[in-house]
């Protein structure tokens, strides 16, 4: 007795395989796009936080400098004249130099050299000292410079301080921080009023 059995095997057809690959490719592509977008968002948020902190630091430095000057017996006009710079921050004179000028000035609260430098055109970009965890400027004199060979990392953050006198007893302090986020140019501006505390 000869039995002839036919076995039928079922599998994916070529069209079904191509469709499955297409669906899988779309799913994987979507995940990669989502991950890339997430990394960009994280980098943008980090850069924004750094810029906000750099701006806030400059505002707080000016306010602290005013308070320190008054505690040491300096009057309003004398303190204002320090914002036209020198003690090697250079340009000084009338109230159209230094931080009062169109170019503004840069602020470096941590250096033991001149803390405010008049900008000539654009203010210099900050550098990051990763081991110490703060931003400063190339050529600044910092306490750790004498202890270790600090290697700063260039950044794209440029901080500019502008001041003006809306009234004789009020100083408007504006800080602009500009940076690159990828290839996009970004900037933020923060401002505060600093008053003559002797009134």
N, C-alpha and C. Protein backbone atom coordinates (compact mmCIF):
# COMPACT_ATOMS: atom_id res chain seq x y z
N UNK A 1 0.83 -1.16 0.00
CA UNK A 1 0.00 0.00 0.00
C UNK A 1 0.88 1.23 0.00
N UNK A 2 0.62 2.03 -0.96
CA UNK A 2 1.43 3.22 -1.17
C UNK A 2 0.59 4.45 -0.83
N UNK A 3 0.98 5.07 0.24
CA UNK A 3 0.25 6.28 0.61
C UNK A 3 1.07 7.49 0.22
N UNK A 4 0.39 8.30 -0.40
CA UNK A 4 1.06 9.52 -0.84
C UNK A 4 0.52 10.68 0.01
N UNK A 5 1.40 11.23 0.84
CA UNK A 5 0.95 12.34 1.69
C UNK A 5 1.54 13.63 1.15
N UNK A 6 0.69 14.59 1.09
CA UNK A 6 1.15 15.91 0.68
C UNK A 6 1.21 16.79 1.92
N UNK A 7 2.32 17.40 2.09
CA UNK A 7 2.43 18.31 3.24
C UNK A 7 2.43 19.74 2.71
N UNK A 8 1.64 20.51 3.33
CA UNK A 8 1.61 21.91 2.91
C UNK A 8 2.31 22.73 3.99
N UNK A 9 3.27 23.50 3.57
CA UNK A 9 3.97 24.37 4.51
C UNK A 9 3.54 25.80 4.24
N UNK A 10 3.23 26.49 5.32
CA UNK A 10 2.84 27.88 5.14
C UNK A 10 3.96 28.77 5.67
N UNK A 11 4.15 29.91 5.09
CA UNK A 11 5.18 30.85 5.48
C UNK A 11 4.80 32.24 5.00
N UNK A 12 5.70 33.19 5.20
CA UNK A 12 5.43 34.55 4.75
C UNK A 12 5.69 34.63 3.25
N UNK A 13 4.82 35.33 2.62
CA UNK A 13 5.06 35.61 1.20
C UNK A 13 6.05 36.77 1.12
N UNK A 14 6.56 37.03 -0.02
CA UNK A 14 7.51 38.13 -0.22
C UNK A 14 6.88 39.47 0.13
N UNK A 15 5.64 39.66 -0.22
CA UNK A 15 4.95 40.94 0.06
C UNK A 15 4.78 41.12 1.56
N UNK A 16 4.39 40.04 2.26
CA UNK A 16 4.24 40.14 3.71
C UNK A 16 5.57 40.47 4.38
N UNK A 17 6.66 39.88 3.91
CA UNK A 17 7.99 40.14 4.46
C UNK A 17 8.40 41.60 4.24
N UNK A 18 8.15 42.11 3.04
CA UNK A 18 8.50 43.51 2.74
C UNK A 18 7.69 44.45 3.62
N UNK A 19 6.42 44.17 3.81
CA UNK A 19 5.56 45.04 4.66
C UNK A 19 6.04 44.99 6.11
N UNK A 20 6.39 43.80 6.59
CA UNK A 20 6.88 43.68 7.97
C UNK A 20 8.18 44.47 8.17
N UNK A 21 9.07 44.38 7.19
CA UNK A 21 10.33 45.14 7.27
C UNK A 21 10.06 46.63 7.24
N UNK A 22 9.13 47.07 6.42
CA UNK A 22 8.77 48.49 6.35
C UNK A 22 8.22 48.98 7.68
N UNK A 23 7.32 48.22 8.29
CA UNK A 23 6.75 48.61 9.59
C UNK A 23 7.84 48.67 10.65
N UNK A 24 8.71 47.68 10.66
CA UNK A 24 9.81 47.66 11.63
C UNK A 24 10.74 48.85 11.42
N UNK A 25 11.03 49.18 10.17
CA UNK A 25 11.90 50.33 9.86
C UNK A 25 11.28 51.63 10.33
N UNK A 26 9.97 51.79 10.13
CA UNK A 26 9.28 53.01 10.58
C UNK A 26 9.32 53.11 12.10
N UNK A 27 9.11 52.00 12.79
CA UNK A 27 9.12 52.02 14.25
C UNK A 27 10.51 52.37 14.78
N UNK A 28 11.54 51.74 14.23
CA UNK A 28 12.91 52.02 14.67
C UNK A 28 13.30 53.46 14.33
N UNK A 29 12.93 53.92 13.14
CA UNK A 29 13.22 55.30 12.74
C UNK A 29 12.57 56.30 13.66
N UNK A 30 11.32 56.02 14.06
CA UNK A 30 10.62 56.92 14.99
C UNK A 30 11.33 56.98 16.34
N UNK A 31 11.78 55.83 16.81
CA UNK A 31 12.49 55.79 18.10
C UNK A 31 13.81 56.56 18.03
N UNK A 32 14.53 56.41 16.93
CA UNK A 32 15.80 57.13 16.77
C UNK A 32 15.55 58.63 16.72
N UNK A 33 14.52 59.05 15.98
CA UNK A 33 14.18 60.48 15.90
C UNK A 33 13.79 61.02 17.27
N UNK A 34 13.00 60.25 18.01
CA UNK A 34 12.59 60.66 19.35
C UNK A 34 13.79 60.79 20.28
N UNK A 35 14.71 59.84 20.21
CA UNK A 35 15.92 59.89 21.06
C UNK A 35 16.78 61.10 20.70
N UNK A 36 16.96 61.37 19.40
CA UNK A 36 17.76 62.52 18.97
C UNK A 36 17.13 63.82 19.43
N UNK A 37 15.81 63.89 19.32
CA UNK A 37 15.09 65.09 19.77
C UNK A 37 15.24 65.27 21.28
N UNK A 38 15.21 64.16 22.02
CA UNK A 38 15.40 64.23 23.47
C UNK A 38 16.79 64.73 23.84
N UNK A 39 17.82 64.25 23.14
CA UNK A 39 19.19 64.71 23.40
C UNK A 39 19.33 66.20 23.10
N UNK A 40 18.70 66.67 22.01
CA UNK A 40 18.76 68.09 21.68
C UNK A 40 18.07 68.92 22.75
N UNK A 41 16.91 68.45 23.21
CA UNK A 41 16.17 69.17 24.25
C UNK A 41 16.96 69.24 25.54
N UNK A 42 17.62 68.14 25.90
CA UNK A 42 18.43 68.13 27.12
C UNK A 42 19.59 69.11 26.99
N UNK A 43 20.26 69.11 25.84
CA UNK A 43 21.39 70.03 25.63
C UNK A 43 20.91 71.48 25.66
N UNK A 44 19.76 71.76 25.02
CA UNK A 44 19.23 73.12 25.02
C UNK A 44 18.89 73.57 26.44
N UNK A 45 18.25 72.69 27.20
CA UNK A 45 17.87 73.03 28.58
C UNK A 45 19.12 73.29 29.43
N UNK A 46 20.15 72.44 29.27
CA UNK A 46 21.39 72.63 30.03
C UNK A 46 22.04 73.97 29.68
N UNK A 47 22.11 74.27 28.39
CA UNK A 47 22.71 75.54 27.95
C UNK A 47 21.92 76.74 28.46
N UNK A 48 20.60 76.63 28.45
CA UNK A 48 19.74 77.71 28.95
C UNK A 48 19.98 77.94 30.44
N UNK A 49 20.10 76.87 31.20
CA UNK A 49 20.35 76.99 32.65
C UNK A 49 21.70 77.64 32.91
N UNK A 50 22.73 77.24 32.17
CA UNK A 50 24.05 77.85 32.33
C UNK A 50 23.98 79.34 32.01
N UNK A 51 23.31 79.71 30.91
CA UNK A 51 23.20 81.11 30.53
C UNK A 51 22.45 81.91 31.59
N UNK A 52 21.36 81.37 32.11
CA UNK A 52 20.61 82.06 33.17
C UNK A 52 21.48 82.27 34.40
N UNK A 53 22.24 81.24 34.76
CA UNK A 53 23.11 81.36 35.94
C UNK A 53 24.23 82.38 35.73
N UNK A 54 24.80 82.42 34.52
CA UNK A 54 25.85 83.41 34.23
C UNK A 54 25.28 84.83 34.32
N UNK A 55 24.08 85.03 33.81
CA UNK A 55 23.46 86.35 33.87
C UNK A 55 23.16 86.73 35.32
N UNK A 56 22.58 85.80 36.07
CA UNK A 56 22.24 86.06 37.47
C UNK A 56 23.49 86.35 38.30
N UNK A 57 24.58 85.63 38.01
CA UNK A 57 25.83 85.85 38.73
C UNK A 57 26.33 87.28 38.55
N UNK A 58 26.24 87.81 37.31
CA UNK A 58 26.70 89.18 37.05
C UNK A 58 25.83 90.19 37.78
N UNK A 59 24.51 89.98 37.79
CA UNK A 59 23.61 90.90 38.50
C UNK A 59 23.92 90.90 39.99
N UNK A 60 24.11 89.70 40.54
CA UNK A 60 24.41 89.59 41.97
C UNK A 60 25.76 90.22 42.31
N UNK A 61 26.72 90.11 41.39
CA UNK A 61 28.03 90.72 41.64
C UNK A 61 27.88 92.24 41.76
N UNK A 62 27.13 92.86 40.86
CA UNK A 62 26.95 94.32 40.91
C UNK A 62 26.26 94.72 42.20
N UNK A 63 25.22 94.01 42.57
CA UNK A 63 24.50 94.33 43.81
C UNK A 63 25.43 94.17 45.02
N UNK A 64 26.20 93.09 45.06
CA UNK A 64 27.13 92.86 46.16
C UNK A 64 28.22 93.92 46.20
N UNK A 65 28.71 94.32 45.01
CA UNK A 65 29.74 95.34 44.94
C UNK A 65 29.23 96.67 45.49
N UNK A 66 27.98 97.00 45.16
CA UNK A 66 27.38 98.22 45.71
C UNK A 66 27.31 98.14 47.22
N UNK A 67 26.81 97.02 47.76
CA UNK A 67 26.67 96.87 49.21
C UNK A 67 28.03 96.95 49.91
N UNK A 68 29.02 96.30 49.35
CA UNK A 68 30.36 96.31 49.93
C UNK A 68 30.93 97.73 49.94
N UNK A 69 30.75 98.45 48.84
CA UNK A 69 31.25 99.83 48.75
C UNK A 69 30.61 100.71 49.83
N UNK A 70 29.31 100.58 50.03
CA UNK A 70 28.64 101.41 51.03
C UNK A 70 29.04 101.02 52.44
N UNK A 71 29.25 99.74 52.69
CA UNK A 71 29.71 99.31 54.01
C UNK A 71 31.11 99.83 54.31
N UNK A 72 31.90 100.06 53.25
CA UNK A 72 33.25 100.59 53.43
C UNK A 72 33.28 102.11 53.39
N UNK A 73 32.11 102.76 53.35
CA UNK A 73 32.02 104.21 53.43
C UNK A 73 32.03 104.96 52.11
N UNK A 74 31.95 104.26 51.01
CA UNK A 74 31.94 104.92 49.70
C UNK A 74 30.55 105.50 49.42
N UNK A 75 30.50 106.66 48.76
CA UNK A 75 29.20 107.22 48.41
C UNK A 75 28.75 106.74 47.03
N UNK A 76 27.51 107.08 46.67
CA UNK A 76 26.88 106.61 45.44
C UNK A 76 27.69 107.01 44.20
N UNK A 77 28.08 108.28 44.11
CA UNK A 77 28.79 108.78 42.93
C UNK A 77 30.16 108.10 42.79
N UNK A 78 30.84 107.90 43.90
CA UNK A 78 32.15 107.25 43.86
C UNK A 78 32.01 105.81 43.38
N UNK A 79 30.99 105.11 43.91
CA UNK A 79 30.79 103.73 43.49
C UNK A 79 30.42 103.66 42.00
N UNK A 80 29.55 104.57 41.54
CA UNK A 80 29.17 104.58 40.12
C UNK A 80 30.39 104.75 39.22
N UNK A 81 31.34 105.56 39.68
CA UNK A 81 32.53 105.80 38.85
C UNK A 81 33.37 104.54 38.67
N UNK A 82 33.24 103.56 39.59
CA UNK A 82 33.99 102.31 39.42
C UNK A 82 33.43 101.48 38.26
N UNK A 83 32.20 101.77 37.85
CA UNK A 83 31.60 101.04 36.74
C UNK A 83 32.08 101.57 35.38
N UNK A 84 32.74 102.74 35.41
CA UNK A 84 33.37 103.21 34.18
C UNK A 84 34.72 102.51 34.01
N UNK A 85 35.05 101.70 34.99
CA UNK A 85 36.16 100.77 35.06
C UNK A 85 37.47 101.43 35.49
N UNK A 86 38.52 100.85 35.38
CA UNK A 86 39.95 100.88 35.63
C UNK A 86 40.32 100.12 36.85
N UNK A 87 41.50 100.32 37.37
CA UNK A 87 42.26 99.37 38.17
C UNK A 87 42.57 98.21 37.23
N UNK A 88 42.92 98.64 35.99
CA UNK A 88 43.32 97.80 34.88
C UNK A 88 42.17 97.12 34.15
N UNK A 89 40.93 97.56 34.43
CA UNK A 89 39.82 97.14 33.60
C UNK A 89 39.70 98.12 32.45
N UNK A 90 40.52 99.15 32.44
CA UNK A 90 40.73 100.22 31.50
C UNK A 90 39.57 101.19 31.36
N UNK A 91 39.19 101.61 30.08
CA UNK A 91 38.41 102.83 29.91
C UNK A 91 37.76 103.39 31.16
N UNK A 92 38.04 104.62 31.41
CA UNK A 92 37.43 105.32 32.54
C UNK A 92 37.23 106.76 32.14
N UNK A 93 36.51 107.47 32.93
CA UNK A 93 36.23 108.87 32.61
C UNK A 93 34.78 109.17 32.88
N UNK A 94 34.14 109.78 31.90
CA UNK A 94 32.74 110.17 32.08
C UNK A 94 31.85 108.94 32.09
N UNK A 95 30.57 109.19 32.30
CA UNK A 95 29.60 108.10 32.36
C UNK A 95 29.17 107.66 30.96
N UNK A 96 30.16 107.47 30.10
CA UNK A 96 29.89 106.87 28.79
C UNK A 96 31.00 105.86 28.47
N UNK A 97 31.72 105.46 29.51
CA UNK A 97 32.83 104.50 29.34
C UNK A 97 32.54 103.25 30.15
N UNK A 98 33.34 102.21 29.91
CA UNK A 98 33.21 100.97 30.68
C UNK A 98 31.84 100.34 30.53
N UNK A 99 31.23 100.02 31.65
CA UNK A 99 29.92 99.37 31.64
C UNK A 99 28.82 100.30 31.15
N UNK A 100 29.07 101.60 31.17
CA UNK A 100 28.08 102.57 30.67
C UNK A 100 28.13 102.70 29.15
N UNK A 101 29.18 102.19 28.52
CA UNK A 101 29.34 102.36 27.07
C UNK A 101 28.44 101.40 26.30
N UNK A 102 28.37 101.62 25.01
CA UNK A 102 27.57 100.76 24.15
C UNK A 102 28.14 99.34 24.11
N UNK A 103 29.47 99.21 24.20
CA UNK A 103 30.10 97.88 24.19
C UNK A 103 29.94 97.15 25.51
N UNK A 104 29.71 97.87 26.60
CA UNK A 104 29.54 97.26 27.91
C UNK A 104 30.84 96.73 28.48
N UNK A 105 30.72 95.84 29.45
CA UNK A 105 31.91 95.26 30.07
C UNK A 105 31.62 93.81 30.46
N UNK A 106 32.69 93.09 30.75
CA UNK A 106 32.55 91.71 31.22
C UNK A 106 32.81 91.69 32.72
N UNK A 107 32.22 90.71 33.39
CA UNK A 107 32.34 90.59 34.84
C UNK A 107 32.94 89.23 35.17
N UNK A 108 33.95 89.24 36.03
CA UNK A 108 34.57 87.99 36.48
C UNK A 108 34.72 88.07 38.00
N UNK A 109 33.72 87.62 38.74
CA UNK A 109 33.75 87.76 40.20
C UNK A 109 34.85 86.98 40.90
N UNK A 110 35.41 85.95 40.24
CA UNK A 110 36.33 85.05 40.93
C UNK A 110 37.80 85.41 40.78
N UNK A 111 38.13 86.26 39.83
CA UNK A 111 39.53 86.57 39.60
C UNK A 111 40.05 87.51 40.69
N UNK A 112 41.35 87.42 40.94
CA UNK A 112 41.96 88.37 41.89
C UNK A 112 42.52 89.57 41.15
N UNK A 113 42.42 89.58 39.80
CA UNK A 113 42.79 90.76 39.03
C UNK A 113 41.51 91.59 38.82
N UNK A 114 41.47 92.44 37.82
CA UNK A 114 40.31 93.32 37.60
C UNK A 114 39.05 92.48 37.40
N UNK A 115 38.02 92.78 38.18
CA UNK A 115 36.78 92.00 38.13
C UNK A 115 35.85 92.47 37.01
N UNK A 116 36.00 93.72 36.58
CA UNK A 116 35.23 94.25 35.45
C UNK A 116 36.20 94.73 34.39
N UNK A 117 35.98 94.28 33.17
CA UNK A 117 36.84 94.69 32.06
C UNK A 117 35.98 95.32 30.98
N UNK A 118 36.40 96.50 30.51
CA UNK A 118 35.68 97.14 29.42
C UNK A 118 35.81 96.30 28.17
N UNK A 119 34.71 96.12 27.46
CA UNK A 119 34.74 95.35 26.22
C UNK A 119 35.03 96.29 25.06
N UNK A 120 35.82 95.81 24.13
CA UNK A 120 36.12 96.57 22.93
C UNK A 120 35.44 95.83 21.79
N UNK A 121 34.23 96.26 21.44
CA UNK A 121 33.42 95.49 20.49
C UNK A 121 32.68 94.43 21.25
N UNK A 122 32.93 93.16 20.92
CA UNK A 122 32.27 92.06 21.62
C UNK A 122 33.04 91.71 22.89
N UNK A 123 32.30 91.33 23.93
CA UNK A 123 32.94 90.86 25.15
C UNK A 123 33.52 89.47 24.90
N UNK A 124 34.56 89.10 25.63
CA UNK A 124 35.18 87.78 25.41
C UNK A 124 34.25 86.65 25.83
N UNK A 125 34.48 85.50 25.24
CA UNK A 125 33.72 84.31 25.62
C UNK A 125 34.28 83.74 26.92
N UNK A 126 33.41 83.14 27.69
CA UNK A 126 33.85 82.53 28.93
C UNK A 126 34.57 81.21 28.64
N UNK A 127 35.30 80.75 29.63
CA UNK A 127 35.89 79.41 29.57
C UNK A 127 35.38 78.65 30.79
N UNK A 128 35.31 77.34 30.64
CA UNK A 128 34.87 76.48 31.73
C UNK A 128 36.10 75.81 32.33
N UNK A 129 36.19 75.86 33.65
CA UNK A 129 37.21 75.11 34.37
C UNK A 129 36.52 73.87 34.93
N UNK A 130 36.56 72.77 34.17
CA UNK A 130 35.75 71.60 34.55
C UNK A 130 36.11 70.99 35.90
N UNK A 131 37.40 70.99 36.24
CA UNK A 131 37.79 70.40 37.53
C UNK A 131 37.29 71.23 38.71
N UNK A 132 37.21 72.53 38.52
CA UNK A 132 36.75 73.41 39.59
C UNK A 132 35.25 73.66 39.51
N UNK A 133 34.67 73.44 38.33
CA UNK A 133 33.21 73.54 38.16
C UNK A 133 32.67 74.95 38.05
N UNK A 134 33.42 75.86 37.47
CA UNK A 134 32.86 77.19 37.27
C UNK A 134 33.38 77.82 35.99
N UNK A 135 32.72 78.92 35.61
CA UNK A 135 33.06 79.64 34.39
C UNK A 135 33.87 80.88 34.74
N UNK A 136 34.89 81.14 33.98
CA UNK A 136 35.72 82.32 34.15
C UNK A 136 36.16 82.81 32.79
N UNK A 137 37.33 83.45 32.75
CA UNK A 137 37.83 84.00 31.50
C UNK A 137 39.29 83.60 31.32
N UNK A 138 39.67 83.46 30.08
CA UNK A 138 41.07 83.15 29.74
C UNK A 138 41.95 84.27 30.29
N UNK A 139 42.99 83.92 30.99
CA UNK A 139 43.90 84.92 31.54
C UNK A 139 43.52 85.41 32.92
N UNK A 140 42.36 84.98 33.45
CA UNK A 140 41.97 85.37 34.79
C UNK A 140 42.91 84.76 35.82
N UNK A 141 43.09 85.44 36.95
CA UNK A 141 43.96 84.94 38.02
C UNK A 141 43.06 84.38 39.12
N UNK A 142 43.07 83.06 39.26
CA UNK A 142 42.20 82.38 40.21
C UNK A 142 43.03 81.67 41.27
N UNK A 143 42.47 81.46 42.47
CA UNK A 143 43.25 80.83 43.54
C UNK A 143 43.86 79.49 43.14
N UNK A 144 43.11 78.69 42.35
CA UNK A 144 43.62 77.36 42.01
C UNK A 144 44.69 77.40 40.93
N UNK A 145 44.86 78.55 40.24
CA UNK A 145 45.90 78.64 39.20
C UNK A 145 47.28 78.37 39.78
N UNK A 146 47.48 78.78 41.04
CA UNK A 146 48.79 78.57 41.65
C UNK A 146 48.97 77.13 42.13
N UNK A 147 47.86 76.41 42.31
CA UNK A 147 47.93 75.07 42.88
C UNK A 147 48.02 73.98 41.84
N UNK A 148 47.26 74.13 40.75
CA UNK A 148 47.23 73.09 39.73
C UNK A 148 47.34 73.71 38.35
N UNK A 149 47.63 72.89 37.38
CA UNK A 149 47.68 73.35 35.99
C UNK A 149 46.26 73.26 35.43
N UNK A 150 45.45 74.28 35.71
CA UNK A 150 44.04 74.27 35.30
C UNK A 150 43.94 74.44 33.79
N UNK A 151 43.25 73.53 33.15
CA UNK A 151 43.07 73.58 31.70
C UNK A 151 41.64 74.01 31.38
N UNK A 152 41.45 75.28 31.02
CA UNK A 152 40.10 75.73 30.72
C UNK A 152 39.61 75.19 29.37
N UNK A 153 38.30 75.06 29.26
CA UNK A 153 37.67 74.60 28.03
C UNK A 153 36.90 75.78 27.45
N UNK A 154 37.13 76.09 26.17
CA UNK A 154 36.42 77.20 25.53
C UNK A 154 34.93 76.90 25.48
N UNK A 155 34.13 77.95 25.66
CA UNK A 155 32.68 77.82 25.52
C UNK A 155 32.20 78.85 24.51
N UNK A 156 30.91 78.81 24.21
CA UNK A 156 30.36 79.80 23.28
C UNK A 156 29.61 80.90 24.03
N UNK A 157 29.66 80.90 25.37
CA UNK A 157 28.94 81.89 26.17
C UNK A 157 29.72 83.21 26.22
N UNK A 158 29.06 84.29 25.82
CA UNK A 158 29.63 85.63 25.95
C UNK A 158 28.68 86.44 26.82
N UNK A 159 29.19 87.00 27.91
CA UNK A 159 28.36 87.74 28.87
C UNK A 159 28.73 89.21 28.81
N UNK A 160 27.73 90.05 28.60
CA UNK A 160 27.95 91.49 28.50
C UNK A 160 27.08 92.23 29.51
N UNK A 161 27.71 93.11 30.28
CA UNK A 161 27.02 93.90 31.29
C UNK A 161 26.90 95.33 30.80
N UNK A 162 25.67 95.85 30.80
CA UNK A 162 25.41 97.26 30.46
C UNK A 162 24.70 97.91 31.65
N UNK A 163 25.09 99.14 31.95
CA UNK A 163 24.41 99.89 33.01
C UNK A 163 24.02 101.26 32.49
N UNK A 164 22.95 101.79 33.08
CA UNK A 164 22.50 103.15 32.73
C UNK A 164 21.82 103.75 33.95
N UNK A 165 21.64 105.06 33.94
CA UNK A 165 21.02 105.75 35.06
C UNK A 165 19.65 106.31 34.62
N UNK A 166 18.57 105.55 34.87
CA UNK A 166 17.26 106.09 34.53
C UNK A 166 16.88 107.29 35.40
N UNK A 167 17.35 107.29 36.66
CA UNK A 167 17.22 108.43 37.56
C UNK A 167 18.57 108.59 38.26
N UNK A 168 18.83 109.74 38.87
CA UNK A 168 20.13 109.93 39.53
C UNK A 168 20.43 108.94 40.65
N UNK A 169 19.39 108.37 41.26
CA UNK A 169 19.59 107.46 42.38
C UNK A 169 19.22 106.02 42.07
N UNK A 170 19.10 105.69 40.79
CA UNK A 170 18.82 104.31 40.39
C UNK A 170 19.70 103.91 39.22
N UNK A 171 20.24 102.72 39.31
CA UNK A 171 21.07 102.18 38.25
C UNK A 171 20.35 100.99 37.63
N UNK A 172 20.15 101.04 36.32
CA UNK A 172 19.58 99.90 35.61
C UNK A 172 20.73 99.02 35.15
N UNK A 173 20.73 97.77 35.60
CA UNK A 173 21.78 96.82 35.25
C UNK A 173 21.17 95.77 34.33
N UNK A 174 21.73 95.63 33.14
CA UNK A 174 21.26 94.63 32.18
C UNK A 174 22.42 93.71 31.81
N UNK A 175 22.17 92.42 31.85
CA UNK A 175 23.17 91.44 31.48
C UNK A 175 22.62 90.61 30.32
N UNK A 176 23.38 90.52 29.25
CA UNK A 176 23.01 89.69 28.11
C UNK A 176 24.03 88.57 27.97
N UNK A 177 23.53 87.36 27.87
CA UNK A 177 24.39 86.20 27.63
C UNK A 177 24.01 85.62 26.28
N UNK A 178 25.00 85.49 25.40
CA UNK A 178 24.78 84.92 24.07
C UNK A 178 25.56 83.62 23.97
N UNK A 179 25.01 82.65 23.25
CA UNK A 179 25.70 81.38 23.06
C UNK A 179 25.16 80.68 21.83
N UNK A 180 25.85 79.63 21.43
CA UNK A 180 25.41 78.79 20.32
C UNK A 180 24.81 77.51 20.88
N UNK A 181 23.64 77.18 20.37
CA UNK A 181 23.02 75.90 20.71
C UNK A 181 23.01 75.08 19.44
N UNK A 182 24.03 74.23 19.27
CA UNK A 182 24.23 73.59 17.98
C UNK A 182 24.72 74.67 17.03
N UNK A 183 23.98 74.92 15.98
CA UNK A 183 24.34 76.00 15.06
C UNK A 183 23.42 77.22 15.24
N UNK A 184 22.47 77.12 16.18
CA UNK A 184 21.52 78.21 16.40
C UNK A 184 22.07 79.21 17.43
N UNK A 185 21.96 80.49 17.12
CA UNK A 185 22.42 81.55 18.02
C UNK A 185 21.29 81.84 19.01
N UNK A 186 21.61 81.83 20.29
CA UNK A 186 20.63 82.11 21.35
C UNK A 186 21.15 83.23 22.24
N UNK A 187 20.23 83.92 22.90
CA UNK A 187 20.62 84.93 23.88
C UNK A 187 19.50 85.12 24.89
N UNK A 188 19.90 85.53 26.08
CA UNK A 188 18.93 85.91 27.11
C UNK A 188 19.41 87.21 27.73
N UNK A 189 18.48 87.98 28.24
CA UNK A 189 18.81 89.23 28.93
C UNK A 189 18.06 89.26 30.25
N UNK A 190 18.78 89.58 31.31
CA UNK A 190 18.17 89.78 32.63
C UNK A 190 18.55 91.18 33.09
N UNK A 191 17.66 91.80 33.86
CA UNK A 191 17.96 93.15 34.34
C UNK A 191 17.42 93.33 35.76
N UNK A 192 17.98 94.33 36.43
CA UNK A 192 17.52 94.68 37.76
C UNK A 192 17.84 96.15 38.00
N UNK A 193 17.12 96.74 38.93
CA UNK A 193 17.43 98.12 39.35
C UNK A 193 18.21 98.05 40.65
N UNK A 194 19.27 98.82 40.72
CA UNK A 194 20.09 98.93 41.94
C UNK A 194 19.95 100.37 42.41
N UNK A 195 19.54 100.54 43.66
CA UNK A 195 19.24 101.88 44.17
C UNK A 195 20.37 102.40 45.05
N UNK A 196 20.39 103.71 45.21
CA UNK A 196 21.29 104.38 46.14
C UNK A 196 20.80 104.09 47.55
N UNK A 197 21.51 103.21 48.26
CA UNK A 197 21.05 102.80 49.59
C UNK A 197 21.29 103.88 50.64
N UNK A 198 21.97 104.94 50.28
CA UNK A 198 22.25 106.00 51.25
C UNK A 198 21.06 106.93 51.45
N UNK A 199 20.02 106.77 50.63
CA UNK A 199 18.86 107.67 50.73
C UNK A 199 18.05 107.41 51.98
